[in-house]
Amino acid sequence: MGTRERRDRSNQIDKALRVSFLKCANEHLSRPELVSLTAVGGYGRGELAPASDLDLLILHNGSEKSELISAFVNAFLYPLWDQGLVIDHSVRTRSETREIATQDIRVALGLLDLRHIAGDSQLSSQVATDALEDWRKNKDKFLPKLRKSIQDREVRSGELAFLLEPDLKEARGGLRDINALRAIELSGAVPISLARVAESEALISNVRDVLHGDNPKSRDQLLLTEQDRVAFTLGFSDADALMLEVAKAARAVDYLMDLTWHRIDSTGGKSWFNRRKNQR
């Protein structure tokens, strides 16, 4: 397991989706060249774990009749669902995508990782450019929402470094926080040395890959019953040694996150939210 394997997994799925998407577009649309298929979120970054969902955004220019778009999308997606793939999809025009992203922080974050797969590459590129421009232009609105979402997630999932059975993605110091740091860096609010958490991301991602294994129903919580298996596969002496390294990785992410918000508060001359210590 590793970055190469995750990218190979993404590339293999890209190829299959591309063939099916173009075939369905040609069969159901009058102008098949005016639609595009893109990946967003983790799939957009090419970081698919074995049991990851496929986050897809299907784009069109609004010229096709709605019933044709619906028939096309159904023809494309139903065979994928029948194969057991878990797909989170949206179907939008460029303007619809831009409007929704201004209101929904999750959509805005996902679009930062948009990657073209098939169809109209210019349309995909336009939406990706919109997303980055709007994220930077509206960072004073988006970053407080991002910070609040991180705090809410910590309340729900706890801190990865201190949990017996941590959620590798959702807990504080986990993969979602690393993606949040990337988003903050893209905003231009403050410079962030993402290299400082590269080893942390590699370890947590590898643990997640082993945890998923070949089980499509696997999720991201590293249960006690799975820790020995994961430790053995990754070459650790035992589960305790594995969890010690996972905790160290999470603390490195946590430290960089705290440092980043401190710099933003100092640079902006104001604090958008109370510090975590004042909330406890």
C-alpha atoms as a PDB file:
ATOM      1  CA  MET A   1       0.000   0.000   0.000  1.00  0.00           C
ATOM      2  CA  GLY A   2       1.054   3.611  -0.480  1.00  0.00           C
ATOM      3  CA  THR A   3       0.573   6.666  -2.672  1.00  0.00           C
ATOM      4  CA  ARG A   4       1.377   4.764  -5.863  1.00  0.00           C
ATOM      5  CA  GLU A   5      -1.194   2.083  -5.119  1.00  0.00           C
ATOM      6  CA  ARG A   6      -3.861   4.677  -4.340  1.00  0.00           C
ATOM      7  CA  ARG A   7      -3.149   6.511  -7.582  1.00  0.00           C
ATOM      8  CA  ASP A   8      -3.142   3.268  -9.561  1.00  0.00           C
ATOM      9  CA  ARG A   9      -6.511   2.410  -8.031  1.00  0.00           C
ATOM     10  CA  SER A  10      -7.857   5.826  -9.042  1.00  0.00           C
ATOM     11  CA  ASN A  11      -6.464   5.497 -12.566  1.00  0.00           C
ATOM     12  CA  GLN A  12      -8.052   2.080 -13.074  1.00  0.00           C
ATOM     13  CA  ILE A  13     -11.453   3.395 -12.033  1.00  0.00           C
ATOM     14  CA  ASP A  14     -10.961   6.467 -14.241  1.00  0.00           C
ATOM     15  CA  LYS A  15     -10.524   4.249 -17.286  1.00  0.00           C
ATOM     16  CA  ALA A  16     -13.675   2.270 -16.611  1.00  0.00           C
ATOM     17  CA  LEU A  17     -15.755   5.367 -15.880  1.00  0.00           C
ATOM     18  CA  ARG A  18     -14.456   7.171 -18.963  1.00  0.00           C
ATOM     19  CA  VAL A  19     -15.560   4.430 -21.340  1.00  0.00           C
ATOM     20  CA  SER A  20     -18.999   4.128 -19.772  1.00  0.00           C
ATOM     21  CA  PHE A  21     -19.558   7.891 -19.498  1.00  0.00           C
ATOM     22  CA  LEU A  22     -18.743   8.609 -23.143  1.00  0.00           C
ATOM     23  CA  LYS A  23     -20.808   5.655 -24.346  1.00  0.00           C
ATOM     24  CA  CYS A  24     -23.881   6.767 -22.383  1.00  0.00           C
ATOM     25  CA  ALA A  25     -23.456  10.393 -23.452  1.00  0.00           C
ATOM     26  CA  ASN A  26     -23.368   9.388 -27.130  1.00  0.00           C
ATOM     27  CA  GLU A  27     -26.462   7.218 -26.712  1.00  0.00           C
ATOM     28  CA  HIS A  28     -28.653   9.646 -24.770  1.00  0.00           C
ATOM     29  CA  LEU A  29     -27.616  13.228 -25.553  1.00  0.00           C
ATOM     30  CA  SER A  30     -27.947  15.349 -28.660  1.00  0.00           C
ATOM     31  CA  ARG A  31     -24.664  17.143 -27.874  1.00  0.00           C
ATOM     32  CA  PRO A  32     -22.572  14.575 -25.973  1.00  0.00           C
ATOM     33  CA  GLU A  33     -19.452  16.667 -26.369  1.00  0.00           C
ATOM     34  CA  LEU A  34     -20.887  19.324 -24.017  1.00  0.00           C
ATOM     35  CA  VAL A  35     -20.916  17.260 -20.815  1.00  0.00           C
ATOM     36  CA  SER A  36     -18.021  16.309 -18.592  1.00  0.00           C
ATOM     37  CA  LEU A  37     -17.256  13.896 -15.778  1.00  0.00           C
ATOM     38  CA  THR A  38     -15.064  15.055 -12.925  1.00  0.00           C
ATOM     39  CA  ALA A  39     -13.814  13.627  -9.653  1.00  0.00           C
ATOM     40  CA  VAL A  40     -13.843  15.722  -6.485  1.00  0.00           C
ATOM     41  CA  GLY A  41     -12.706  15.225  -2.894  1.00  0.00           C
ATOM     42  CA  GLY A  42     -10.383  12.314  -2.185  1.00  0.00           C
ATOM     43  CA  TYR A  43     -11.059  10.712  -5.545  1.00  0.00           C
ATOM     44  CA  GLY A  44     -10.201  14.033  -7.175  1.00  0.00           C
ATOM     45  CA  ARG A  45      -6.824  13.930  -5.428  1.00  0.00           C
ATOM     46  CA  GLY A  46      -6.280  10.389  -6.672  1.00  0.00           C
ATOM     47  CA  GLU A  47      -6.184   9.058  -3.111  1.00  0.00           C
ATOM     48  CA  LEU A  48      -8.670   6.202  -3.204  1.00  0.00           C
ATOM     49  CA  ALA A  49      -8.502   3.761  -0.328  1.00  0.00           C
ATOM     50  CA  PRO A  50      -9.924   0.300  -1.125  1.00  0.00           C
ATOM     51  CA  ALA A  51     -13.355   1.121   0.352  1.00  0.00           C
ATOM     52  CA  SER A  52     -13.517   4.827  -0.460  1.00  0.00           C
ATOM     53  CA  ASP A  53     -16.641   6.329  -1.989  1.00  0.00           C
ATOM     54  CA  LEU A  54     -16.407   7.745  -5.491  1.00  0.00           C
ATOM     55  CA  ASP A  55     -17.216  11.462  -5.394  1.00  0.00           C
ATOM     56  CA  LEU A  56     -18.373  12.456  -8.877  1.00  0.00           C
ATOM     57  CA  LEU A  57     -19.549  15.738 -10.363  1.00  0.00           C
ATOM     58  CA  ILE A  58     -21.268  15.524 -13.740  1.00  0.00           C
ATOM     59  CA  LEU A  59     -21.270  18.878 -15.527  1.00  0.00           C
ATOM     60  CA  HIS A  60     -23.417  20.094 -18.416  1.00  0.00           C
ATOM     61  CA  ASN A  61     -24.050  23.475 -20.017  1.00  0.00           C
ATOM     62  CA  GLY A  62     -27.838  23.500 -19.566  1.00  0.00           C
ATOM     63  CA  SER A  63     -28.648  23.170 -23.264  1.00  0.00           C
ATOM     64  CA  GLU A  64     -30.003  19.615 -23.067  1.00  0.00           C
ATOM     65  CA  LYS A  65     -33.554  18.880 -21.956  1.00  0.00           C
ATOM     66  CA  SER A  66     -33.754  17.812 -18.335  1.00  0.00           C
ATOM     67  CA  GLU A  67     -35.274  14.437 -19.219  1.00  0.00           C
ATOM     68  CA  LEU A  68     -32.343  13.668 -21.523  1.00  0.00           C
ATOM     69  CA  ILE A  69     -29.865  14.558 -18.788  1.00  0.00           C
ATOM     70  CA  SER A  70     -31.729  12.338 -16.329  1.00  0.00           C
ATOM     71  CA  ALA A  71     -31.800   9.399 -18.749  1.00  0.00           C
ATOM     72  CA  PHE A  72     -28.107   9.821 -19.461  1.00  0.00           C
ATOM     73  CA  VAL A  73     -27.128  10.011 -15.792  1.00  0.00           C
ATOM     74  CA  ASN A  74     -29.239   6.983 -14.881  1.00  0.00           C
ATOM     75  CA  ALA A  75     -27.795   4.951 -17.740  1.00  0.00           C
ATOM     76  CA  PHE A  76     -24.300   5.835 -16.534  1.00  0.00           C
ATOM     77  CA  LEU A  77     -24.788   5.308 -12.796  1.00  0.00           C
ATOM     78  CA  TYR A  78     -27.090   2.296 -12.464  1.00  0.00           C
ATOM     79  CA  PRO A  79     -24.577  -0.250 -13.811  1.00  0.00           C
ATOM     80  CA  LEU A  80     -21.983   1.154 -11.391  1.00  0.00           C
ATOM     81  CA  TRP A  81     -24.356   0.772  -8.459  1.00  0.00           C
ATOM     82  CA  ASP A  82     -25.124  -2.764  -9.616  1.00  0.00           C
ATOM     83  CA  GLN A  83     -21.388  -3.501  -9.386  1.00  0.00           C
ATOM     84  CA  GLY A  84     -21.501  -2.498  -5.728  1.00  0.00           C
ATOM     85  CA  LEU A  85     -19.652   0.811  -6.113  1.00  0.00           C
ATOM     86  CA  VAL A  86     -20.536   3.463  -3.547  1.00  0.00           C
ATOM     87  CA  ILE A  87     -20.994   6.736  -5.423  1.00  0.00           C
ATOM     88  CA  ASP A  88     -21.741  10.227  -4.188  1.00  0.00           C
ATOM     89  CA  HIS A  89     -22.698  12.236  -7.247  1.00  0.00           C
ATOM     90  CA  SER A  90     -24.043  15.616  -8.280  1.00  0.00           C
ATOM     91  CA  VAL A  91     -25.287  16.845 -11.655  1.00  0.00           C
ATOM     92  CA  ARG A  92     -24.925  20.591 -12.219  1.00  0.00           C
ATOM     93  CA  THR A  93     -24.182  23.374 -14.633  1.00  0.00           C
ATOM     94  CA  ARG A  94     -21.215  25.649 -14.137  1.00  0.00           C
ATOM     95  CA  SER A  95     -23.356  28.426 -12.658  1.00  0.00           C
ATOM     96  CA  GLU A  96     -25.223  26.032 -10.377  1.00  0.00           C
ATOM     97  CA  THR A  97     -21.948  24.633  -9.090  1.00  0.00           C
ATOM     98  CA  ARG A  98     -20.589  28.084  -8.355  1.00  0.00           C
ATOM     99  CA  GLU A  99     -23.759  29.176  -6.574  1.00  0.00           C
ATOM    100  CA  ILE A 100     -23.976  26.084  -4.372  1.00  0.00           C
ATOM    101  CA  ALA A 101     -20.286  26.295  -3.468  1.00  0.00           C
ATOM    102  CA  THR A 102     -20.751  29.804  -2.082  1.00  0.00           C
ATOM    103  CA  GLN A 103     -23.339  28.433   0.359  1.00  0.00           C
ATOM    104  CA  ASP A 104     -21.950  24.989   1.248  1.00  0.00           C
ATOM    105  CA  ILE A 105     -18.431  24.714   2.665  1.00  0.00           C
ATOM    106  CA  ARG A 106     -18.317  20.977   1.918  1.00  0.00           C
ATOM    107  CA  VAL A 107     -19.013  21.571  -1.760  1.00  0.00           C
ATOM    108  CA  ALA A 108     -16.449  24.387  -1.883  1.00  0.00           C
ATOM    109  CA  LEU A 109     -13.785  22.149  -0.316  1.00  0.00           C
ATOM    110  CA  GLY A 110     -14.511  19.239  -2.639  1.00  0.00           C
ATOM    111  CA  LEU A 111     -14.209  21.438  -5.717  1.00  0.00           C
ATOM    112  CA  LEU A 112     -10.663  22.442  -4.743  1.00  0.00           C
ATOM    113  CA  ASP A 113      -9.629  18.903  -5.683  1.00  0.00           C
ATOM    114  CA  LEU A 114     -11.649  18.721  -8.903  1.00  0.00           C
ATOM    115  CA  ARG A 115     -10.037  16.549 -11.563  1.00  0.00           C
ATOM    116  CA  HIS A 116     -11.242  16.004 -15.127  1.00  0.00           C
ATOM    117  CA  ILE A 117     -11.990  12.420 -16.152  1.00  0.00           C
ATOM    118  CA  ALA A 118     -13.961  12.510 -19.410  1.00  0.00           C
ATOM    119  CA  GLY A 119     -15.902  14.719 -21.802  1.00  0.00           C
ATOM    120  CA  ASP A 120     -15.625  18.489 -22.143  1.00  0.00           C
ATOM    121  CA  SER A 121     -12.266  19.326 -20.546  1.00  0.00           C
ATOM    122  CA  GLN A 122     -12.826  23.059 -21.004  1.00  0.00           C
ATOM    123  CA  LEU A 123     -15.987  22.942 -18.915  1.00  0.00           C
ATOM    124  CA  SER A 124     -14.174  21.025 -16.187  1.00  0.00           C
ATOM    125  CA  SER A 125     -11.322  23.520 -16.254  1.00  0.00           C
ATOM    126  CA  GLN A 126     -13.704  26.459 -15.991  1.00  0.00           C
ATOM    127  CA  VAL A 127     -15.401  25.013 -12.910  1.00  0.00           C
ATOM    128  CA  ALA A 128     -12.034  24.256 -11.287  1.00  0.00           C
ATOM    129  CA  THR A 129     -10.883  27.821 -11.953  1.00  0.00           C
ATOM    130  CA  ASP A 130     -14.118  29.234 -10.535  1.00  0.00           C
ATOM    131  CA  ALA A 131     -13.697  27.155  -7.387  1.00  0.00           C
ATOM    132  CA  LEU A 132     -10.152  28.288  -6.667  1.00  0.00           C
ATOM    133  CA  GLU A 133     -10.838  31.942  -7.495  1.00  0.00           C
ATOM    134  CA  ASP A 134     -13.939  32.038  -5.268  1.00  0.00           C
ATOM    135  CA  TRP A 135     -12.146  30.221  -2.435  1.00  0.00           C
ATOM    136  CA  ARG A 136      -9.359  32.807  -2.419  1.00  0.00           C
ATOM    137  CA  LYS A 137     -11.596  35.809  -2.973  1.00  0.00           C
ATOM    138  CA  ASN A 138     -14.010  34.786  -0.225  1.00  0.00           C
ATOM    139  CA  LYS A 139     -11.559  33.353   2.278  1.00  0.00           C
ATOM    140  CA  ASP A 140     -12.760  35.734   5.009  1.00  0.00           C
ATOM    141  CA  LYS A 141     -16.148  34.023   4.717  1.00  0.00           C
ATOM    142  CA  PHE A 142     -15.000  30.466   4.069  1.00  0.00           C
ATOM    143  CA  LEU A 143     -12.230  30.075   6.642  1.00  0.00           C
ATOM    144  CA  PRO A 144     -14.414  30.770   9.695  1.00  0.00           C
ATOM    145  CA  LYS A 145     -16.857  28.156   8.385  1.00  0.00           C
ATOM    146  CA  LEU A 146     -14.009  25.714   7.903  1.00  0.00           C
ATOM    147  CA  ARG A 147     -12.758  26.368  11.421  1.00  0.00           C
ATOM    148  CA  LYS A 148     -16.205  25.825  12.871  1.00  0.00           C
ATOM    149  CA  SER A 149     -16.584  22.555  10.954  1.00  0.00           C
ATOM    150  CA  ILE A 150     -13.252  21.345  12.346  1.00  0.00           C
ATOM    151  CA  GLN A 151     -14.337  22.190  15.885  1.00  0.00           C
ATOM    152  CA  ASP A 152     -17.699  20.466  15.409  1.00  0.00           C
ATOM    153  CA  ARG A 153     -15.966  17.387  14.047  1.00  0.00           C
ATOM    154  CA  GLU A 154     -13.667  17.241  17.067  1.00  0.00           C
ATOM    155  CA  VAL A 155     -16.696  17.249  19.346  1.00  0.00           C
ATOM    156  CA  ARG A 156     -18.203  14.339  17.408  1.00  0.00           C
ATOM    157  CA  SER A 157     -15.096  12.245  16.815  1.00  0.00           C
ATOM    158  CA  GLY A 158     -12.566  13.282  19.466  1.00  0.00           C
ATOM    159  CA  GLU A 159      -8.789  13.604  19.099  1.00  0.00           C
ATOM    160  CA  LEU A 160      -7.103  10.828  17.186  1.00  0.00           C
ATOM    161  CA  ALA A 161      -3.969  10.839  19.358  1.00  0.00           C
ATOM    162  CA  PHE A 162      -5.910   9.998  22.530  1.00  0.00           C
ATOM    163  CA  LEU A 163      -8.531   7.501  21.321  1.00  0.00           C
ATOM    164  CA  LEU A 164      -8.384   3.738  21.773  1.00  0.00           C
ATOM    165  CA  GLU A 165     -10.397   3.225  18.584  1.00  0.00           C
ATOM    166  CA  PRO A 166      -9.856   6.365  16.491  1.00  0.00           C
ATOM    167  CA  ASP A 167     -11.563   7.375  13.299  1.00  0.00           C
ATOM    168  CA  LEU A 168      -8.577   7.894  11.007  1.00  0.00           C
ATOM    169  CA  LYS A 169     -10.435  10.332   8.785  1.00  0.00           C
ATOM    170  CA  GLU A 170     -12.790  12.308  11.009  1.00  0.00           C
ATOM    171  CA  ALA A 171     -10.967  12.595  14.360  1.00  0.00           C
ATOM    172  CA  ARG A 172      -8.877  15.673  15.089  1.00  0.00           C
ATOM    173  CA  GLY A 173      -5.386  15.173  13.690  1.00  0.00           C
ATOM    174  CA  GLY A 174      -6.641  12.787  11.015  1.00  0.00           C
ATOM    175  CA  LEU A 175      -6.900  12.844   7.242  1.00  0.00           C
ATOM    176  CA  ARG A 176      -9.707  15.371   7.038  1.00  0.00           C
ATOM    177  CA  ASP A 177      -7.625  17.864   9.022  1.00  0.00           C
ATOM    178  CA  ILE A 178      -4.728  17.398   6.607  1.00  0.00           C
ATOM    179  CA  ASN A 179      -7.078  18.198   3.723  1.00  0.00           C
ATOM    180  CA  ALA A 180      -8.286  21.258   5.646  1.00  0.00           C
ATOM    181  CA  LEU A 181      -4.688  22.437   5.935  1.00  0.00           C
ATOM    182  CA  ARG A 182      -4.328  22.110   2.161  1.00  0.00           C
ATOM    183  CA  ALA A 183      -7.449  24.192   1.683  1.00  0.00           C
ATOM    184  CA  ILE A 184      -6.173  26.900   4.027  1.00  0.00           C
ATOM    185  CA  GLU A 185      -2.886  26.991   2.148  1.00  0.00           C
ATOM    186  CA  LEU A 186      -4.745  27.345  -1.157  1.00  0.00           C
ATOM    187  CA  SER A 187      -6.674  30.318   0.232  1.00  0.00           C
ATOM    188  CA  GLY A 188      -3.447  32.300   0.515  1.00  0.00           C
ATOM    189  CA  ALA A 189      -4.308  33.389   4.057  1.00  0.00           C
ATOM    190  CA  VAL A 190      -0.966  32.233   5.453  1.00  0.00           C
ATOM    191  CA  PRO A 191       1.862  30.044   4.132  1.00  0.00           C
ATOM    192  CA  ILE A 192       1.748  26.479   5.431  1.00  0.00           C
ATOM    193  CA  SER A 193       4.579  23.963   5.280  1.00  0.00           C
ATOM    194  CA  LEU A 194       2.592  20.878   4.358  1.00  0.00           C
ATOM    195  CA  ALA A 195       5.824  18.900   4.183  1.00  0.00           C
ATOM    196  CA  ARG A 196       5.734  18.896   7.989  1.00  0.00           C
ATOM    197  CA  VAL A 197       2.784  16.517   7.930  1.00  0.00           C
ATOM    198  CA  ALA A 198       3.733  14.479   4.857  1.00  0.00           C
ATOM    199  CA  GLU A 199       4.976  11.541   6.936  1.00  0.00           C
ATOM    200  CA  SER A 200       1.892  11.733   9.138  1.00  0.00           C
ATOM    201  CA  GLU A 201      -0.381  11.605   6.120  1.00  0.00           C
ATOM    202  CA  ALA A 202       1.534   8.679   4.620  1.00  0.00           C
ATOM    203  CA  LEU A 203       1.292   6.641   7.818  1.00  0.00           C
ATOM    204  CA  ILE A 204      -2.385   7.334   8.520  1.00  0.00           C
ATOM    205  CA  SER A 205      -3.287   6.695   4.868  1.00  0.00           C
ATOM    206  CA  ASN A 206      -1.395   3.404   4.857  1.00  0.00           C
ATOM    207  CA  VAL A 207      -3.097   2.312   8.078  1.00  0.00           C
ATOM    208  CA  ARG A 208      -6.441   3.163   6.508  1.00  0.00           C
ATOM    209  CA  ASP A 209      -5.621   1.152   3.378  1.00  0.00           C
ATOM    210  CA  VAL A 210      -4.771  -1.946   5.421  1.00  0.00           C
ATOM    211  CA  LEU A 211      -7.845  -1.442   7.581  1.00  0.00           C
ATOM    212  CA  HIS A 212     -10.040  -1.389   4.482  1.00  0.00           C
ATOM    213  CA  GLY A 213      -8.304  -4.380   2.934  1.00  0.00           C
ATOM    214  CA  ASP A 214     -10.534  -6.107   0.420  1.00  0.00           C
ATOM    215  CA  ASN A 215     -13.709  -5.479   2.399  1.00  0.00           C
ATOM    216  CA  PRO A 216     -15.966  -2.986   0.578  1.00  0.00           C
ATOM    217  CA  LYS A 217     -17.920  -2.429   3.801  1.00  0.00           C
ATOM    218  CA  SER A 218     -14.882  -1.348   5.810  1.00  0.00           C
ATOM    219  CA  ARG A 219     -14.922   2.123   7.249  1.00  0.00           C
ATOM    220  CA  ASP A 220     -12.307   4.346   8.830  1.00  0.00           C
ATOM    221  CA  GLN A 221     -12.477   3.522  12.546  1.00  0.00           C
ATOM    222  CA  LEU A 222      -9.473   1.520  13.732  1.00  0.00           C
ATOM    223  CA  LEU A 223     -11.143  -0.869  16.142  1.00  0.00           C
ATOM    224  CA  LEU A 224      -9.200  -2.781  18.797  1.00  0.00           C
ATOM    225  CA  THR A 225     -10.046  -6.021  17.057  1.00  0.00           C
ATOM    226  CA  GLU A 226      -8.286  -4.810  13.882  1.00  0.00           C
ATOM    227  CA  GLN A 227      -5.164  -3.264  15.380  1.00  0.00           C
ATOM    228  CA  ASP A 228      -3.048  -6.437  15.608  1.00  0.00           C
ATOM    229  CA  ARG A 229      -3.785  -7.309  11.972  1.00  0.00           C
ATOM    230  CA  VAL A 230      -2.948  -3.821  10.760  1.00  0.00           C
ATOM    231  CA  ALA A 231       0.229  -3.680  12.867  1.00  0.00           C
ATOM    232  CA  PHE A 232       1.441  -7.022  11.506  1.00  0.00           C
ATOM    233  CA  THR A 233       0.748  -6.049   7.898  1.00  0.00           C
ATOM    234  CA  LEU A 234       2.639  -2.764   8.269  1.00  0.00           C
ATOM    235  CA  GLY A 235       5.613  -4.388   9.994  1.00  0.00           C
ATOM    236  CA  PHE A 236       5.093  -3.112  13.544  1.00  0.00           C
ATOM    237  CA  SER A 237       6.028  -5.334  16.481  1.00  0.00           C
ATOM    238  CA  ASP A 238       2.526  -5.121  17.941  1.00  0.00           C
ATOM    239  CA  ALA A 239      -0.602  -2.990  18.130  1.00  0.00           C
ATOM    240  CA  ASP A 240       0.863  -0.772  20.860  1.00  0.00           C
ATOM    241  CA  ALA A 241       3.805   0.157  18.640  1.00  0.00           C
ATOM    242  CA  LEU A 242       1.421   0.958  15.794  1.00  0.00           C
ATOM    243  CA  MET A 243      -0.853   3.110  17.916  1.00  0.00           C
ATOM    244  CA  LEU A 244       2.104   5.016  19.355  1.00  0.00           C
ATOM    245  CA  GLU A 245       3.181   6.036  15.847  1.00  0.00           C
ATOM    246  CA  VAL A 246      -0.382   6.888  14.849  1.00  0.00           C
ATOM    247  CA  ALA A 247      -0.661   9.122  17.926  1.00  0.00           C
ATOM    248  CA  LYS A 248       2.619  10.863  17.055  1.00  0.00           C
ATOM    249  CA  ALA A 249       1.391  11.450  13.512  1.00  0.00           C
ATOM    250  CA  ALA A 250      -1.905  12.901  14.740  1.00  0.00           C
ATOM    251  CA  ARG A 251      -0.150  15.207  17.186  1.00  0.00           C
ATOM    252  CA  ALA A 252       2.033  16.566  14.359  1.00  0.00           C
ATOM    253  CA  VAL A 253      -1.102  17.388  12.351  1.00  0.00           C
ATOM    254  CA  ASP A 254      -2.780  18.874  15.416  1.00  0.00           C
ATOM    255  CA  TYR A 255       0.211  21.090  16.174  1.00  0.00           C
ATOM    256  CA  LEU A 256       0.359  22.440  12.611  1.00  0.00           C
ATOM    257  CA  MET A 257      -3.371  23.118  12.677  1.00  0.00           C
ATOM    258  CA  ASP A 258      -3.142  25.101  15.913  1.00  0.00           C
ATOM    259  CA  LEU A 259      -0.128  27.006  14.607  1.00  0.00           C
ATOM    260  CA  THR A 260      -1.958  27.811  11.374  1.00  0.00           C
ATOM    261  CA  TRP A 261      -5.010  29.284  13.122  1.00  0.00           C
ATOM    262  CA  HIS A 262      -2.757  31.256  15.441  1.00  0.00           C
ATOM    263  CA  ARG A 263      -1.005  32.797  12.430  1.00  0.00           C
ATOM    264  CA  ILE A 264      -4.313  33.570  10.746  1.00  0.00           C
ATOM    265  CA  ASP A 265      -5.618  35.245  13.899  1.00  0.00           C
ATOM    266  CA  SER A 266      -2.424  37.261  14.248  1.00  0.00           C
ATOM    267  CA  THR A 267      -2.285  38.271  10.601  1.00  0.00           C
ATOM    268  CA  GLY A 268      -5.960  39.217  10.442  1.00  0.00           C
ATOM    269  CA  GLY A 269      -5.825  41.225  13.635  1.00  0.00           C
ATOM    270  CA  LYS A 270      -8.863  39.409  14.989  1.00  0.00           C
ATOM    271  CA  SER A 271      -9.948  35.994  16.200  1.00  0.00           C
ATOM    272  CA  TRP A 272     -12.855  34.490  14.254  1.00  0.00           C
ATOM    273  CA  PHE A 273     -13.525  31.970  17.000  1.00  0.00           C
ATOM    274  CA  ASN A 274     -12.481  31.395  20.572  1.00  0.00           C
ATOM    275  CA  ARG A 275      -9.433  29.219  20.940  1.00  0.00           C
ATOM    276  CA  ARG A 276     -10.088  25.603  21.740  1.00  0.00           C
ATOM    277  CA  LYS A 277      -8.769  26.017  25.260  1.00  0.00           C
ATOM    278  CA  ASN A 278     -11.405  28.665  25.945  1.00  0.00           C
ATOM    279  CA  GLN A 279     -14.176  26.313  24.855  1.00  0.00           C
ATOM    280  CA  ARG A 280     -13.292  23.662  27.411  1.00  0.00           C
END
